[in-house]
């Protein structure tokens, strides 16, 4: 498809909280008969994934706080520039 420049960029909104809730929500599933060692390994893997997801969640929350600070700083800077350009 040729790019004629008439297409406009499409924005998107990512809800990190929803993604994290979906990723950590327990799923109901039927389990087949497994050996004890595979059950232990599965449980260890699930624990490790939960720990990693908790770390990702903390990092995303910290990132969201930083983005909020940057937006406020940007708004303050824009207001200062507007005041200086008027006067």
PDB file of N, CA and C in Angstrom:
ATOM      1  N   UNK A   1       0.845  -1.172   0.000  1.00  0.00           N
ATOM      2  CA  UNK A   1       0.000   0.000   0.000  1.00  0.00           C
ATOM      3  C   UNK A   1       0.889   1.233   0.000  1.00  0.00           C
ATOM      4  N   UNK A   2       0.648   2.140  -0.919  1.00  0.00           N
ATOM      5  CA  UNK A   2       1.475   3.339  -1.037  1.00  0.00           C
ATOM      6  C   UNK A   2       1.110   4.335   0.052  1.00  0.00           C
ATOM      7  N   UNK A   3       2.137   5.013   0.531  1.00  0.00           N
ATOM      8  CA  UNK A   3       1.917   6.018   1.564  1.00  0.00           C
ATOM      9  C   UNK A   3       1.786   7.375   0.892  1.00  0.00           C
ATOM     10  N   UNK A   4       0.548   7.860   0.810  1.00  0.00           N
ATOM     11  CA  UNK A   4       0.328   9.150   0.154  1.00  0.00           C
ATOM     12  C   UNK A   4       0.284  10.305   1.144  1.00  0.00           C
ATOM     13  N   UNK A   5       0.559  10.052   2.400  1.00  0.00           N
ATOM     14  CA  UNK A   5       0.589  11.110   3.406  1.00  0.00           C
ATOM     15  C   UNK A   5      -0.779  11.513   3.918  1.00  0.00           C
ATOM     16  N   UNK A   6      -1.850  10.899   3.400  1.00  0.00           N
ATOM     17  CA  UNK A   6      -3.190  11.289   3.832  1.00  0.00           C
ATOM     18  C   UNK A   6      -3.620  10.585   5.108  1.00  0.00           C
ATOM     19  N   UNK A   7      -2.904   9.554   5.499  1.00  0.00           N
ATOM     20  CA  UNK A   7      -3.261   8.850   6.718  1.00  0.00           C
ATOM     21  C   UNK A   7      -2.739   9.613   7.914  1.00  0.00           C
ATOM     22  N   UNK A   8      -3.549   9.692   8.937  1.00  0.00           N
ATOM     23  CA  UNK A   8      -3.156  10.381  10.157  1.00  0.00           C
ATOM     24  C   UNK A   8      -2.728   9.357  11.187  1.00  0.00           C
ATOM     25  N   UNK A   9      -1.760   9.713  12.023  1.00  0.00           N
ATOM     26  CA  UNK A   9      -1.352   8.765  13.057  1.00  0.00           C
ATOM     27  C   UNK A   9      -2.501   8.477  14.014  1.00  0.00           C
ATOM     28  N   UNK A  10      -2.557   7.260  14.455  1.00  0.00           N
ATOM     29  CA  UNK A  10      -3.612   6.835  15.368  1.00  0.00           C
ATOM     30  C   UNK A  10      -3.001   6.699  16.754  1.00  0.00           C
ATOM     31  N   UNK A  11      -3.576   7.372  17.724  1.00  0.00           N
ATOM     32  CA  UNK A  11      -3.089   7.269  19.097  1.00  0.00           C
ATOM     33  C   UNK A  11      -3.630   6.021  19.762  1.00  0.00           C
ATOM     34  N   UNK A  12      -3.032   5.671  20.867  1.00  0.00           N
ATOM     35  CA  UNK A  12      -3.505   4.532  21.627  1.00  0.00           C
ATOM     36  C   UNK A  12      -3.301   4.814  23.101  1.00  0.00           C
ATOM     37  N   UNK A  13      -4.061   4.095  23.901  1.00  0.00           N
ATOM     38  CA  UNK A  13      -4.011   4.287  25.347  1.00  0.00           C
ATOM     39  C   UNK A  13      -3.771   2.921  25.978  1.00  0.00           C
ATOM     40  N   UNK A  14      -2.695   2.832  26.745  1.00  0.00           N
ATOM     41  CA  UNK A  14      -2.371   1.570  27.409  1.00  0.00           C
ATOM     42  C   UNK A  14      -2.703   1.709  28.884  1.00  0.00           C
ATOM     43  N   UNK A  15      -3.573   0.852  29.370  1.00  0.00           N
ATOM     44  CA  UNK A  15      -3.921   0.840  30.787  1.00  0.00           C
ATOM     45  C   UNK A  15      -3.057  -0.208  31.469  1.00  0.00           C
ATOM     46  N   UNK A  16      -1.949   0.236  32.066  1.00  0.00           N
ATOM     47  CA  UNK A  16      -1.001  -0.683  32.685  1.00  0.00           C
ATOM     48  C   UNK A  16      -1.667  -1.439  33.834  1.00  0.00           C
ATOM     49  N   UNK A  17      -2.506  -0.764  34.593  1.00  0.00           N
ATOM     50  CA  UNK A  17      -3.188  -1.420  35.708  1.00  0.00           C
ATOM     51  C   UNK A  17      -4.035  -2.590  35.240  1.00  0.00           C
ATOM     52  N   UNK A  18      -4.745  -2.395  34.143  1.00  0.00           N
ATOM     53  CA  UNK A  18      -5.586  -3.474  33.614  1.00  0.00           C
ATOM     54  C   UNK A  18      -4.724  -4.642  33.135  1.00  0.00           C
ATOM     55  N   UNK A  19      -3.623  -4.336  32.485  1.00  0.00           N
ATOM     56  CA  UNK A  19      -2.726  -5.394  32.017  1.00  0.00           C
ATOM     57  C   UNK A  19      -2.197  -6.200  33.197  1.00  0.00           C
ATOM     58  N   UNK A  20      -1.774  -5.486  34.247  1.00  0.00           N
ATOM     59  CA  UNK A  20      -1.253  -6.185  35.421  1.00  0.00           C
ATOM     60  C   UNK A  20      -2.325  -7.016  36.102  1.00  0.00           C
ATOM     61  N   UNK A  21      -3.553  -6.486  36.194  1.00  0.00           N
ATOM     62  CA  UNK A  21      -4.639  -7.252  36.795  1.00  0.00           C
ATOM     63  C   UNK A  21      -4.910  -8.518  35.979  1.00  0.00           C
ATOM     64  N   UNK A  22      -4.933  -8.381  34.648  1.00  0.00           N
ATOM     65  CA  UNK A  22      -5.173  -9.546  33.799  1.00  0.00           C
ATOM     66  C   UNK A  22      -4.050 -10.558  33.907  1.00  0.00           C
ATOM     67  N   UNK A  23      -2.828 -10.057  34.032  1.00  0.00           N
ATOM     68  CA  UNK A  23      -1.679 -10.972  34.083  1.00  0.00           C
ATOM     69  C   UNK A  23      -1.607 -11.717  35.410  1.00  0.00           C
ATOM     70  N   UNK A  24      -2.066 -11.107  36.480  1.00  0.00           N
ATOM     71  CA  UNK A  24      -1.951 -11.737  37.793  1.00  0.00           C
ATOM     72  C   UNK A  24      -3.235 -12.426  38.236  1.00  0.00           C
ATOM     73  N   UNK A  25      -4.299 -12.302  37.461  1.00  0.00           N
ATOM     74  CA  UNK A  25      -5.576 -12.928  37.816  1.00  0.00           C
ATOM     75  C   UNK A  25      -5.444 -14.441  37.701  1.00  0.00           C
ATOM     76  N   UNK A  26      -5.828 -15.155  38.747  1.00  0.00           N
ATOM     77  CA  UNK A  26      -5.745 -16.615  38.651  1.00  0.00           C
ATOM     78  C   UNK A  26      -6.735 -17.137  37.617  1.00  0.00           C
ATOM     79  N   UNK A  27      -6.297 -18.089  36.866  1.00  0.00           N
ATOM     80  CA  UNK A  27      -7.131 -18.677  35.825  1.00  0.00           C
ATOM     81  C   UNK A  27      -7.613 -20.053  36.293  1.00  0.00           C
ATOM     82  N   UNK A  28      -8.849 -20.336  36.003  1.00  0.00           N
ATOM     83  CA  UNK A  28      -9.362 -21.667  36.291  1.00  0.00           C
ATOM     84  C   UNK A  28      -9.038 -22.548  35.104  1.00  0.00           C
ATOM     85  N   UNK A  29      -8.464 -23.664  35.400  1.00  0.00           N
ATOM     86  CA  UNK A  29      -8.160 -24.593  34.318  1.00  0.00           C
ATOM     87  C   UNK A  29      -8.186 -26.011  34.844  1.00  0.00           C
ATOM     88  N   UNK A  30      -8.435 -26.899  33.950  1.00  0.00           N
ATOM     89  CA  UNK A  30      -8.430 -28.312  34.316  1.00  0.00           C
ATOM     90  C   UNK A  30      -7.001 -28.789  34.262  1.00  0.00           C
ATOM     91  N   UNK A  31      -6.614 -29.521  35.262  1.00  0.00           N
ATOM     92  CA  UNK A  31      -5.250 -30.027  35.288  1.00  0.00           C
ATOM     93  C   UNK A  31      -5.255 -31.521  35.035  1.00  0.00           C
ATOM     94  N   UNK A  32      -4.322 -31.932  34.252  1.00  0.00           N
ATOM     95  CA  UNK A  32      -4.145 -33.356  34.004  1.00  0.00           C
ATOM     96  C   UNK A  32      -3.316 -33.937  35.144  1.00  0.00           C
ATOM     97  N   UNK A  33      -3.288 -35.212  35.228  1.00  0.00           N
ATOM     98  CA  UNK A  33      -2.486 -35.859  36.260  1.00  0.00           C
ATOM     99  C   UNK A  33      -1.021 -35.609  35.956  1.00  0.00           C
ATOM    100  N   UNK A  34      -0.315 -35.082  36.947  1.00  0.00           N
ATOM    101  CA  UNK A  34       1.097 -34.762  36.775  1.00  0.00           C
ATOM    102  C   UNK A  34       1.893 -35.403  37.887  1.00  0.00           C
ATOM    103  N   UNK A  35       3.166 -35.474  37.646  1.00  0.00           N
ATOM    104  CA  UNK A  35       4.034 -36.002  38.687  1.00  0.00           C
ATOM    105  C   UNK A  35       4.287 -34.919  39.719  1.00  0.00           C
ATOM    106  N   UNK A  36       4.725 -35.333  40.892  1.00  0.00           N
ATOM    107  CA  UNK A  36       4.996 -34.381  41.962  1.00  0.00           C
ATOM    108  C   UNK A  36       6.106 -33.417  41.572  1.00  0.00           C
ATOM    109  N   UNK A  37       7.112 -33.909  40.894  1.00  0.00           N
ATOM    110  CA  UNK A  37       8.230 -33.036  40.531  1.00  0.00           C
ATOM    111  C   UNK A  37       7.792 -31.954  39.549  1.00  0.00           C
ATOM    112  N   UNK A  38       6.904 -32.287  38.618  1.00  0.00           N
ATOM    113  CA  UNK A  38       6.444 -31.255  37.687  1.00  0.00           C
ATOM    114  C   UNK A  38       5.534 -30.265  38.395  1.00  0.00           C
ATOM    115  N   UNK A  39       4.740 -30.725  39.376  1.00  0.00           N
ATOM    116  CA  UNK A  39       3.912 -29.814  40.157  1.00  0.00           C
ATOM    117  C   UNK A  39       4.784 -28.862  40.962  1.00  0.00           C
ATOM    118  N   UNK A  40       5.859 -29.391  41.556  1.00  0.00           N
ATOM    119  CA  UNK A  40       6.774 -28.543  42.312  1.00  0.00           C
ATOM    120  C   UNK A  40       7.446 -27.527  41.399  1.00  0.00           C
ATOM    121  N   UNK A  41       7.837 -27.969  40.217  1.00  0.00           N
ATOM    122  CA  UNK A  41       8.484 -27.076  39.272  1.00  0.00           C
ATOM    123  C   UNK A  41       7.511 -26.002  38.794  1.00  0.00           C
ATOM    124  N   UNK A  42       6.276 -26.397  38.511  1.00  0.00           N
ATOM    125  CA  UNK A  42       5.259 -25.438  38.098  1.00  0.00           C
ATOM    126  C   UNK A  42       5.006 -24.409  39.192  1.00  0.00           C
ATOM    127  N   UNK A  43       4.907 -24.870  40.422  1.00  0.00           N
ATOM    128  CA  UNK A  43       4.667 -23.956  41.541  1.00  0.00           C
ATOM    129  C   UNK A  43       5.840 -22.994  41.704  1.00  0.00           C
ATOM    130  N   UNK A  44       7.049 -23.485  41.578  1.00  0.00           N
ATOM    131  CA  UNK A  44       8.225 -22.624  41.691  1.00  0.00           C
ATOM    132  C   UNK A  44       8.241 -21.595  40.572  1.00  0.00           C
ATOM    133  N   UNK A  45       7.875 -22.006  39.382  1.00  0.00           N
ATOM    134  CA  UNK A  45       7.831 -21.090  38.254  1.00  0.00           C
ATOM    135  C   UNK A  45       6.764 -20.026  38.463  1.00  0.00           C
ATOM    136  N   UNK A  46       5.593 -20.435  38.945  1.00  0.00           N
ATOM    137  CA  UNK A  46       4.525 -19.466  39.216  1.00  0.00           C
ATOM    138  C   UNK A  46       4.957 -18.458  40.268  1.00  0.00           C
ATOM    139  N   UNK A  47       5.632 -18.929  41.332  1.00  0.00           N
ATOM    140  CA  UNK A  47       6.119 -18.002  42.361  1.00  0.00           C
ATOM    141  C   UNK A  47       7.123 -17.015  41.774  1.00  0.00           C
ATOM    142  N   UNK A  48       8.019 -17.513  40.955  1.00  0.00           N
ATOM    143  CA  UNK A  48       9.025 -16.642  40.344  1.00  0.00           C
ATOM    144  C   UNK A  48       8.375 -15.599  39.441  1.00  0.00           C
ATOM    145  N   UNK A  49       7.379 -16.013  38.686  1.00  0.00           N
ATOM    146  CA  UNK A  49       6.686 -15.073  37.806  1.00  0.00           C
ATOM    147  C   UNK A  49       5.948 -14.028  38.623  1.00  0.00           C
ATOM    148  N   UNK A  50       5.308 -14.446  39.736  1.00  0.00           N
ATOM    149  CA  UNK A  50       4.616 -13.478  40.586  1.00  0.00           C
ATOM    150  C   UNK A  50       5.578 -12.457  41.166  1.00  0.00           C
ATOM    151  N   UNK A  51       6.748 -12.911  41.578  1.00  0.00           N
ATOM    152  CA  UNK A  51       7.758 -11.996  42.124  1.00  0.00           C
ATOM    153  C   UNK A  51       8.190 -11.001  41.044  1.00  0.00           C
ATOM    154  N   UNK A  52       8.426 -11.510  39.836  1.00  0.00           N
ATOM    155  CA  UNK A  52       8.827 -10.622  38.739  1.00  0.00           C
ATOM    156  C   UNK A  52       7.722  -9.627  38.416  1.00  0.00           C
ATOM    157  N   UNK A  53       6.470 -10.086  38.393  1.00  0.00           N
ATOM    158  CA  UNK A  53       5.358  -9.181  38.102  1.00  0.00           C
ATOM    159  C   UNK A  53       5.218  -8.114  39.178  1.00  0.00           C
ATOM    160  N   UNK A  54       5.467  -8.482  40.417  1.00  0.00           N
ATOM    161  CA  UNK A  54       5.410  -7.482  41.490  1.00  0.00           C
ATOM    162  C   UNK A  54       6.492  -6.422  41.266  1.00  0.00           C
ATOM    163  N   UNK A  55       7.673  -6.852  40.852  1.00  0.00           N
ATOM    164  CA  UNK A  55       8.740  -5.900  40.557  1.00  0.00           C
ATOM    165  C   UNK A  55       8.376  -5.005  39.387  1.00  0.00           C
ATOM    166  N   UNK A  56       7.776  -5.582  38.357  1.00  0.00           N
ATOM    167  CA  UNK A  56       7.350  -4.797  37.199  1.00  0.00           C
ATOM    168  C   UNK A  56       6.275  -3.803  37.608  1.00  0.00           C
ATOM    169  N   UNK A  57       5.356  -4.243  38.454  1.00  0.00           N
ATOM    170  CA  UNK A  57       4.289  -3.352  38.909  1.00  0.00           C
ATOM    171  C   UNK A  57       4.861  -2.157  39.669  1.00  0.00           C
ATOM    172  N   UNK A  58       5.822  -2.418  40.563  1.00  0.00           N
ATOM    173  CA  UNK A  58       6.463  -1.319  41.301  1.00  0.00           C
ATOM    174  C   UNK A  58       7.167  -0.365  40.352  1.00  0.00           C
ATOM    175  N   UNK A  59       7.888  -0.923  39.384  1.00  0.00           N
ATOM    176  CA  UNK A  59       8.612  -0.084  38.430  1.00  0.00           C
ATOM    177  C   UNK A  59       7.654   0.761  37.601  1.00  0.00           C
ATOM    178  N   UNK A  60       6.525   0.172  37.195  1.00  0.00           N
ATOM    179  CA  UNK A  60       5.545   0.928  36.408  1.00  0.00           C
ATOM    180  C   UNK A  60       4.894   2.034  37.231  1.00  0.00           C
ATOM    181  N   UNK A  61       4.640   1.759  38.502  1.00  0.00           N
ATOM    182  CA  UNK A  61       4.074   2.800  39.369  1.00  0.00           C
ATOM    183  C   UNK A  61       5.068   3.938  39.542  1.00  0.00           C
ATOM    184  N   UNK A  62       6.354   3.599  39.741  1.00  0.00           N
ATOM    185  CA  UNK A  62       7.384   4.635  39.855  1.00  0.00           C
ATOM    186  C   UNK A  62       7.477   5.438  38.566  1.00  0.00           C
ATOM    187  N   UNK A  63       7.396   4.755  37.450  1.00  0.00           N
ATOM    188  CA  UNK A  63       7.442   5.425  36.154  1.00  0.00           C
ATOM    189  C   UNK A  63       6.250   6.358  35.978  1.00  0.00           C
ATOM    190  N   UNK A  64       5.072   5.916  36.398  1.00  0.00           N
ATOM    191  CA  UNK A  64       3.875   6.756  36.299  1.00  0.00           C
ATOM    192  C   UNK A  64       4.026   8.013  37.144  1.00  0.00           C
ATOM    193  N   UNK A  65       4.621   7.884  38.324  1.00  0.00           N
ATOM    194  CA  UNK A  65       4.856   9.049  39.181  1.00  0.00           C
ATOM    195  C   UNK A  65       5.810  10.018  38.484  1.00  0.00           C
ATOM    196  N   UNK A  66       6.874   9.483  37.897  1.00  0.00           N
ATOM    197  CA  UNK A  66       7.849  10.329  37.198  1.00  0.00           C
ATOM    198  C   UNK A  66       7.214  11.018  36.001  1.00  0.00           C
ATOM    199  N   UNK A  67       6.370  10.318  35.260  1.00  0.00           N
ATOM    200  CA  UNK A  67       5.683  10.926  34.117  1.00  0.00           C
ATOM    201  C   UNK A  67       4.798  12.070  34.597  1.00  0.00           C
ATOM    202  N   UNK A  68       4.110  11.879  35.701  1.00  0.00           N
ATOM    203  CA  UNK A  68       3.285  12.955  36.271  1.00  0.00           C
ATOM    204  C   UNK A  68       4.122  14.161  36.641  1.00  0.00           C
ATOM    205  N   UNK A  69       5.276  13.925  37.258  1.00  0.00           N
ATOM    206  CA  UNK A  69       6.169  15.033  37.615  1.00  0.00           C
ATOM    207  C   UNK A  69       6.652  15.768  36.369  1.00  0.00           C
ATOM    208  N   UNK A  70       7.024  15.005  35.351  1.00  0.00           N
ATOM    209  CA  UNK A  70       7.500  15.628  34.110  1.00  0.00           C
ATOM    210  C   UNK A  70       6.405  16.441  33.428  1.00  0.00           C
ATOM    211  N   UNK A  71       5.186  15.935  33.461  1.00  0.00           N
ATOM    212  CA  UNK A  71       4.077  16.694  32.858  1.00  0.00           C
ATOM    213  C   UNK A  71       3.844  18.006  33.600  1.00  0.00           C
ATOM    214  N   UNK A  72       3.882  17.943  34.931  1.00  0.00           N
ATOM    215  CA  UNK A  72       3.703  19.178  35.709  1.00  0.00           C
ATOM    216  C   UNK A  72       4.836  20.156  35.434  1.00  0.00           C
ATOM    217  N   UNK A  73       6.051  19.657  35.366  1.00  0.00           N
ATOM    218  CA  UNK A  73       7.190  20.520  35.065  1.00  0.00           C
ATOM    219  C   UNK A  73       7.059  21.129  33.686  1.00  0.00           C
ATOM    220  N   UNK A  74       6.616  20.335  32.736  1.00  0.00           N
ATOM    221  CA  UNK A  74       6.426  20.835  31.381  1.00  0.00           C
ATOM    222  C   UNK A  74       5.349  21.918  31.346  1.00  0.00           C
ATOM    223  N   UNK A  75       4.255  21.697  32.067  1.00  0.00           N
ATOM    224  CA  UNK A  75       3.196  22.707  32.131  1.00  0.00           C
ATOM    225  C   UNK A  75       3.701  23.993  32.771  1.00  0.00           C
ATOM    226  N   UNK A  76       4.478  23.871  33.839  1.00  0.00           N
ATOM    227  CA  UNK A  76       5.050  25.049  34.491  1.00  0.00           C
ATOM    228  C   UNK A  76       5.976  25.801  33.546  1.00  0.00           C
ATOM    229  N   UNK A  77       6.804  25.062  32.840  1.00  0.00           N
ATOM    230  CA  UNK A  77       7.733  25.672  31.896  1.00  0.00           C
ATOM    231  C   UNK A  77       6.980  26.361  30.770  1.00  0.00           C
ATOM    232  N   UNK A  78       5.934  25.738  30.257  1.00  0.00           N
ATOM    233  CA  UNK A  78       5.131  26.345  29.189  1.00  0.00           C
ATOM    234  C   UNK A  78       4.471  27.633  29.678  1.00  0.00           C
ATOM    235  N   UNK A  79       4.011  27.633  30.936  1.00  0.00           N
ATOM    236  CA  UNK A  79       3.392  28.842  31.495  1.00  0.00           C
ATOM    237  C   UNK A  79       4.423  29.957  31.624  1.00  0.00           C
ATOM    238  N   UNK A  80       5.635  29.615  32.059  1.00  0.00           N
ATOM    239  CA  UNK A  80       6.693  30.631  32.179  1.00  0.00           C
ATOM    240  C   UNK A  80       7.071  31.210  30.820  1.00  0.00           C
ATOM    241  N   UNK A  81       7.190  30.355  29.820  1.00  0.00           N
ATOM    242  CA  UNK A  81       7.526  30.822  28.488  1.00  0.00           C
ATOM    243  C   UNK A  81       6.413  31.730  27.944  1.00  0.00           C
ATOM    244  N   UNK A  82       5.170  31.354  28.206  1.00  0.00           N
ATOM    245  CA  UNK A  82       4.041  32.182  27.754  1.00  0.00           C
ATOM    246  C   UNK A  82       4.070  33.543  28.419  1.00  0.00           C
ATOM    247  N   UNK A  83       4.381  33.570  29.736  1.00  0.00           N
ATOM    248  CA  UNK A  83       4.465  34.850  30.446  1.00  0.00           C
ATOM    249  C   UNK A  83       5.598  35.711  29.892  1.00  0.00           C
ATOM    250  N   UNK A  84       6.733  35.104  29.627  1.00  0.00           N
ATOM    251  CA  UNK A  84       7.879  35.843  29.104  1.00  0.00           C
ATOM    252  C   UNK A  84       7.634  36.366  27.706  1.00  0.00           C
ATOM    253  N   UNK A  85       6.924  35.600  26.898  1.00  0.00           N
ATOM    254  CA  UNK A  85       6.653  36.053  25.524  1.00  0.00           C
ATOM    255  C   UNK A  85       5.635  37.182  25.490  1.00  0.00           C
ATOM    256  N   UNK A  86       4.776  37.279  26.500  1.00  0.00           N
ATOM    257  CA  UNK A  86       3.789  38.371  26.563  1.00  0.00           C
ATOM    258  C   UNK A  86       4.446  39.677  27.002  1.00  0.00           C
ATOM    259  N   UNK A  87       5.366  39.567  27.916  1.00  0.00           N
ATOM    260  CA  UNK A  87       5.925  40.770  28.543  1.00  0.00           C
ATOM    261  C   UNK A  87       7.155  41.203  27.898  1.00  0.00           C
TER     262      UNK A  87
END
